[in-house]
Protein backbone atom coordinates (compact mmCIF):
# COMPACT_ATOMS: atom_id res chain seq x y z
CA UNK A 1 78.58 131.58 -30.77
CA UNK A 2 82.17 130.25 -29.73
CA UNK A 3 81.45 133.00 -26.59
CA UNK A 4 78.85 130.85 -25.66
CA UNK A 5 80.29 128.38 -25.39
CA UNK A 6 83.70 129.48 -23.65
CA UNK A 7 81.08 131.19 -20.76
CA UNK A 8 78.94 127.63 -20.46
CA UNK A 9 82.34 126.37 -19.96
CA UNK A 10 83.56 128.86 -17.43
CA UNK A 11 80.36 128.51 -15.97
CA UNK A 12 81.07 124.44 -16.06
CA UNK A 13 84.61 125.29 -14.68
CA UNK A 14 83.02 127.44 -11.50
CA UNK A 15 80.56 124.85 -10.83
CA UNK A 16 82.75 122.30 -10.14
CA UNK A 17 85.32 123.90 -8.58
CA UNK A 18 82.47 125.36 -6.24
CA UNK A 19 81.49 121.81 -5.68
CA UNK A 20 85.10 120.57 -4.99
CA UNK A 21 85.26 123.37 -2.25
CA UNK A 22 82.07 121.60 -0.77
CA UNK A 23 83.33 118.79 -1.10
CA UNK A 24 86.33 119.96 1.30
CA UNK A 25 84.72 121.77 3.22
CA UNK A 26 81.84 118.87 3.75
CA UNK A 27 85.09 116.70 4.55
CA UNK A 28 86.52 118.46 7.02
CA UNK A 29 83.48 119.28 8.63
CA UNK A 30 83.32 115.80 9.07
CA UNK A 31 86.89 115.71 10.02
CA UNK A 32 86.06 117.61 12.47
CA UNK A 33 83.39 116.22 13.75
CA UNK A 34 85.09 113.08 14.12
CA UNK A 35 87.47 114.89 16.56
CA UNK A 36 84.69 116.46 18.63
CA UNK A 37 83.63 112.74 19.29
CA UNK A 38 87.00 111.12 20.08
CA UNK A 39 87.26 113.81 21.75
CA UNK A 40 84.44 113.47 23.65
CA UNK A 41 84.49 110.14 24.23
CA UNK A 42 88.23 110.33 25.84
CA UNK A 43 87.65 113.32 28.31
CA UNK A 44 84.06 110.33 29.26
CA UNK A 45 86.91 107.63 29.28
CA UNK A 46 88.87 109.78 31.68
CA UNK A 47 86.19 110.78 33.67
CA UNK A 48 84.93 107.67 34.54
CA UNK A 49 88.70 106.56 35.22
CA UNK A 50 88.75 109.38 37.52
CA UNK A 51 85.61 107.80 39.12
CA UNK A 52 87.37 104.47 39.09
CA UNK A 53 90.07 105.62 40.89
CA UNK A 54 87.80 107.91 43.31
CA UNK A 55 85.52 105.21 43.88
CA UNK A 56 87.85 102.76 44.78
CA UNK A 57 90.12 105.09 47.00
CA UNK A 58 87.34 105.24 48.49
CA UNK A 59 86.61 102.07 49.54
CA UNK A 60 90.14 101.55 49.69
CA UNK A 61 89.50 103.95 53.00
CA UNK A 62 86.64 102.31 53.92
CA UNK A 63 87.71 99.10 53.96
CA UNK A 64 90.54 100.31 55.76
CA UNK A 65 88.91 102.01 58.74
CA UNK A 66 86.71 98.90 58.93
CA UNK A 67 89.22 96.57 59.46
CA UNK A 68 90.73 98.57 61.74
CA UNK A 69 87.92 99.61 64.05
CA UNK A 70 87.63 94.96 63.73
CA UNK A 71 90.82 94.55 64.98
CA UNK A 72 90.88 97.29 67.76
CA UNK A 73 87.69 96.08 68.94
CA UNK A 74 88.95 92.36 68.81
CA UNK A 75 91.57 93.94 70.41
CA UNK A 76 89.63 95.50 73.01
CA UNK A 77 87.66 92.83 74.04
CA UNK A 78 90.84 90.88 74.20
CA UNK A 79 92.20 92.99 76.89
CA UNK A 80 88.94 92.99 78.29
CA UNK A 81 87.77 89.65 78.95
CA UNK A 82 92.06 89.11 79.98
CA UNK A 83 91.58 91.62 82.73
CA UNK A 84 87.77 90.03 84.04
CA UNK A 85 89.70 87.07 84.09
CA UNK A 86 92.57 88.13 85.65
CA UNK A 87 90.76 90.24 87.85
CA UNK A 88 88.29 86.74 89.11
CA UNK A 89 91.43 84.81 90.02
CA UNK A 90 92.46 87.48 92.35
CA UNK A 91 88.97 87.97 93.30
CA UNK A 92 89.03 83.74 94.28
CA UNK A 93 92.63 83.79 95.83
CA UNK A 94 91.70 86.68 98.13
CA UNK A 95 88.48 84.44 99.45
CA UNK A 96 90.56 81.40 99.61
CA UNK A 97 93.15 83.41 102.06
CA UNK A 98 90.01 85.40 103.81
CA UNK A 99 88.49 81.62 103.98
CA UNK A 100 85.40 83.90 103.08
CA UNK A 101 83.39 81.50 102.48
CA UNK A 102 80.35 83.45 101.52
CA UNK A 103 81.84 84.64 98.59
CA UNK A 104 83.59 81.31 97.52
CA UNK A 105 79.70 80.25 96.83
CA UNK A 106 79.90 82.75 94.41
CA UNK A 107 83.36 81.55 93.18
CA UNK A 108 82.84 78.16 93.15
CA UNK A 109 80.78 75.35 90.78
CA UNK A 110 80.62 71.98 91.29
CA UNK A 111 80.11 69.23 89.05
CA UNK A 112 78.62 67.10 91.52
CA UNK A 113 75.20 68.81 93.71
CA UNK A 114 75.60 66.57 96.39
CA UNK A 115 78.52 68.11 97.52
CA UNK A 116 77.83 71.15 98.32
CA UNK A 117 79.99 74.27 99.02
CA UNK A 118 79.86 74.95 102.58
CA UNK A 119 82.72 75.27 106.29
CA UNK A 120 82.77 72.33 106.11
CA UNK A 121 83.53 70.26 102.66
CA UNK A 122 85.82 73.72 102.61
CA UNK A 123 87.63 73.01 105.55
CA UNK A 124 90.24 70.38 103.99
CA UNK A 125 91.18 72.97 101.22
CA UNK A 126 92.00 75.71 103.94
CA UNK A 127 93.92 73.27 106.01
CA UNK A 128 96.17 72.33 103.24
CA UNK A 129 96.62 76.10 102.01
CA UNK A 130 97.55 77.04 105.75
CA UNK A 131 99.97 74.05 105.73
CA UNK A 132 101.20 74.65 101.60
CA UNK A 133 101.46 78.45 100.72
CA UNK A 134 103.53 77.40 97.76
CA UNK A 135 99.89 76.27 96.44
CA UNK A 136 99.12 79.15 94.90
CA UNK A 137 101.91 79.43 92.78
CA UNK A 138 100.89 75.91 91.88
CA UNK A 139 97.35 77.35 91.01
CA UNK A 140 99.15 80.53 89.10
CA UNK A 141 100.67 77.74 87.05
CA UNK A 142 97.02 75.76 86.34
CA UNK A 143 95.59 79.54 85.55
CA UNK A 144 98.03 80.52 83.01
CA UNK A 145 98.43 77.16 80.95
CA UNK A 146 94.56 77.00 80.90
CA UNK A 147 95.04 81.10 79.29
CA UNK A 148 97.35 78.77 76.53
CA UNK A 149 94.86 77.71 73.66
CA UNK A 150 97.45 74.52 73.07
CA UNK A 151 96.27 73.35 76.70
CA UNK A 152 92.95 72.42 76.84
CA UNK A 153 91.43 69.99 78.91
CA UNK A 154 88.92 67.48 77.84
CA UNK A 155 86.97 65.53 81.18
CA UNK A 156 87.89 61.15 80.53
CA UNK A 157 90.91 62.06 78.10
CA UNK A 158 93.04 64.28 80.36
CA UNK A 159 94.21 62.17 83.17
CA UNK A 160 96.26 65.34 85.48
CA UNK A 161 93.45 68.46 85.26
CA UNK A 162 93.59 71.82 86.44
CA UNK A 163 92.89 71.94 90.64
CA UNK A 164 89.91 74.57 89.34
CA UNK A 165 88.75 74.12 85.83
CA UNK A 166 88.27 78.27 84.37
CA UNK A 167 84.55 78.62 83.08
CA UNK A 168 82.54 81.46 81.35
CA UNK A 169 78.91 81.68 83.81
CA UNK A 170 76.67 83.69 81.40
CA UNK A 171 78.75 87.50 82.09
CA UNK A 172 81.80 86.37 84.41
CA UNK A 173 84.37 84.17 85.33
CA UNK A 174 84.20 80.98 87.58
CA UNK A 175 86.55 77.91 89.07
CA UNK A 176 85.13 74.85 89.19
CA UNK A 177 87.40 71.86 91.61
CA UNK A 178 88.30 69.11 90.70
CA UNK A 179 86.80 66.87 91.94
CA UNK A 180 88.90 63.44 93.53
CA UNK A 181 88.52 59.92 94.70
CA UNK A 182 90.77 57.18 96.86
CA UNK A 183 91.08 53.84 96.09
CA UNK A 184 92.21 52.91 99.76
CA UNK A 185 93.73 49.08 99.74
CA UNK A 186 92.61 47.51 102.61
CA UNK A 187 93.79 44.25 105.33
CA UNK A 188 90.44 43.26 105.29
CA UNK A 189 87.62 43.82 102.83
CA UNK A 190 85.06 44.61 105.87
CA UNK A 191 87.64 46.91 108.04
CA UNK A 192 86.18 50.49 108.42
CA UNK A 193 87.65 53.39 106.68
CA UNK A 194 86.66 57.21 108.58
CA UNK A 195 87.56 60.35 107.09
CA UNK A 196 88.37 63.42 108.37
CA UNK A 197 87.28 61.89 111.47
CA UNK A 198 84.25 60.13 109.81
CA UNK A 199 82.81 57.07 108.47
CA UNK A 200 82.49 56.27 105.62
CA UNK A 201 81.35 53.61 103.05
CA UNK A 202 82.46 52.64 100.43
CA UNK A 203 82.17 51.41 97.06
CA UNK A 204 83.13 48.02 96.10
CA UNK A 205 86.13 47.35 93.26
CA UNK A 206 87.64 44.70 91.61
CA UNK A 207 89.22 43.81 94.15
CA UNK A 208 87.44 42.42 97.70
CA UNK A 209 90.15 44.01 99.54
CA UNK A 210 90.30 48.51 98.07
CA UNK A 211 87.15 50.00 98.26
CA UNK A 212 86.85 53.74 96.79
CA UNK A 213 85.66 56.64 98.70
CA UNK A 214 84.87 59.76 97.15
CA UNK A 215 84.74 62.51 95.36
CA UNK A 216 86.19 65.29 97.52
CA UNK A 217 86.73 68.66 96.89
CA UNK A 218 90.67 69.60 97.00
CA UNK A 219 91.70 69.80 100.07
CA UNK A 220 93.84 67.51 102.61
CA UNK A 221 92.44 64.04 104.39
CA UNK A 222 92.90 62.28 106.62
CA UNK A 223 92.54 58.49 106.26
CA UNK A 224 91.79 56.15 108.57
CA UNK A 225 91.01 52.52 108.80
CA UNK A 226 90.04 50.38 111.63
CA UNK A 227 90.29 46.82 111.96
CA UNK A 228 88.28 45.08 114.89
CA UNK A 229 90.23 41.60 116.34
CA UNK A 230 88.10 40.69 118.68
CA UNK A 231 87.75 43.23 121.28
CA UNK A 232 90.71 45.11 119.74
CA UNK A 233 90.33 48.45 117.73
CA UNK A 234 93.62 48.54 115.65
CA UNK A 235 94.07 51.62 113.45
CA UNK A 236 96.50 52.40 110.46
CA UNK A 237 96.41 56.12 109.30
CA UNK A 238 97.50 58.10 106.08
CA UNK A 239 96.85 61.66 105.40
CA UNK A 240 96.03 62.13 101.34
CA UNK A 241 97.16 65.63 99.57
CA UNK A 242 94.04 66.17 97.49
CA UNK A 243 95.63 68.69 95.02
CA UNK A 244 97.12 68.04 91.86
CA UNK A 245 97.80 65.43 90.08
CA UNK A 246 95.31 62.82 89.40
CA UNK A 247 91.60 62.65 89.91
CA UNK A 248 92.13 59.05 91.30
CA UNK A 249 94.34 59.14 94.12
CA UNK A 250 95.60 55.35 95.48
CA UNK A 251 95.59 54.74 99.57
CA UNK A 252 97.72 51.22 101.00
CA UNK A 253 96.91 51.09 104.42
CA UNK A 254 97.42 48.02 104.32
CA UNK A 255 99.53 46.15 106.91
CA UNK A 256 102.64 44.48 105.62
């Protein structure tokens, strides 16, 4: 009987030990699985970080290439525009020096459609340039000021407009000449006015002794006032240079 009890205790002890071994084994296996999952999560996290870094670097490279490309294109466009502008200015100056009316008809766009561009209307400009070779330097300074973005001419608000305003027309540069007028002071309201030998009818102003004539292209103009006194005709003459400055010139031909 005692041997049977002892055997049962031995069997129970063995079973308990086996359960403990199984519990230890199960805990170790669970710990191992936990470590595996932890390592897997760490691996996936690192891999995502790696992908993010690769994506970020790729995006930065693409952005840098795009920005550099945009800057290069902008620089190229600016250089191309500047070169086209300078070429247009050179062609205008060459046409003026050569008195090439046909070329000037292409380069000039007169804001007043009633004023044609031909030999007659350009003659005063050619005469002025022949008499004043340094006038081309004045034109270049005018063009340089227009190239400065801070210099903007607004018609009606700027008292001294450029002699030729550079404008873009279609895919090319053209030049809009400033049109000048003259307020001529007379001895008598009915005095006759002649511009470059041709009689003109001046427009009345608030002052009955002042007549407005124009508009005219830039150039040198001979203004003559003829007063009839019985059978006598008296003339007063003055040369007026319409080249830069105010759009309206004051010309006093009243005899003091």
